[in-house]
């Protein structure tokens, strides 16, 4: 996991990459691993609820 985290940190440090993500409506977050885990858990919970609420399916 540490190898992946370091590789991603290098990618998001590229200003051109960050600008492209932001232009497309995303946001670049550089957060410590412990906070990253918490953030991902919160996002999974949030999106799970929304998918269930609106009956989203994959076709």
Protein backbone atom coordinates (compact mmCIF):
# COMPACT_ATOMS: atom_id res chain seq x y z
CA UNK A 1 0.00 0.00 0.00
CA UNK A 2 2.87 2.35 0.78
CA UNK A 3 4.28 1.93 -2.75
CA UNK A 4 0.92 2.85 -4.25
CA UNK A 5 0.52 5.84 -1.92
CA UNK A 6 3.95 7.19 -2.88
CA UNK A 7 3.28 6.71 -6.59
CA UNK A 8 -0.05 8.54 -6.35
CA UNK A 9 1.52 11.35 -4.32
CA UNK A 10 3.99 11.89 -7.14
CA UNK A 11 1.22 11.98 -9.74
CA UNK A 12 -1.00 14.45 -7.89
CA UNK A 13 1.99 16.72 -7.27
CA UNK A 14 2.10 17.40 -11.01
CA UNK A 15 0.38 20.79 -11.53
CA UNK A 16 -0.83 19.79 -15.00
CA UNK A 17 -2.50 16.66 -13.62
CA UNK A 18 -4.11 18.61 -10.76
CA UNK A 19 -5.41 21.25 -13.17
CA UNK A 20 -6.95 18.58 -15.39
CA UNK A 21 -8.70 16.90 -12.46
CA UNK A 22 -10.06 20.23 -11.23
CA UNK A 23 -11.14 21.24 -14.74
CA UNK A 24 -13.14 18.02 -14.94
CA UNK A 25 -14.89 18.77 -11.65
CA UNK A 26 -12.69 16.74 -9.31
CA UNK A 27 -10.45 17.75 -6.50
CA UNK A 28 -6.97 16.64 -5.60
CA UNK A 29 -6.50 15.68 -1.97
CA UNK A 30 -3.13 15.03 -0.40
CA UNK A 31 -3.85 13.62 3.03
CA UNK A 32 -1.98 11.34 5.45
CA UNK A 33 -2.72 7.58 5.25
CA UNK A 34 -4.76 7.50 8.48
CA UNK A 35 -6.99 10.33 7.28
CA UNK A 36 -7.15 8.81 3.82
CA UNK A 37 -8.57 5.59 5.25
CA UNK A 38 -11.21 7.53 7.20
CA UNK A 39 -12.07 9.62 4.12
CA UNK A 40 -12.50 6.50 1.98
CA UNK A 41 -14.75 4.86 4.58
CA UNK A 42 -16.92 7.97 4.73
CA UNK A 43 -17.15 8.13 0.93
CA UNK A 44 -18.10 4.45 0.69
CA UNK A 45 -20.86 4.95 3.27
CA UNK A 46 -22.10 8.11 1.54
CA UNK A 47 -22.23 6.60 -1.93
CA UNK A 48 -23.70 3.30 -0.69
CA UNK A 49 -26.63 5.22 0.80
CA UNK A 50 -27.15 7.28 -2.35
CA UNK A 51 -27.03 4.23 -4.62
CA UNK A 52 -29.61 2.46 -2.45
CA UNK A 53 -31.80 5.57 -2.11
CA UNK A 54 -32.02 6.18 -5.84
CA UNK A 55 -31.93 2.55 -6.97
CA UNK A 56 -28.82 3.03 -9.12
CA UNK A 57 -27.85 -0.08 -11.10
CA UNK A 58 -25.14 -0.98 -13.54
CA UNK A 59 -26.38 -1.96 -16.98
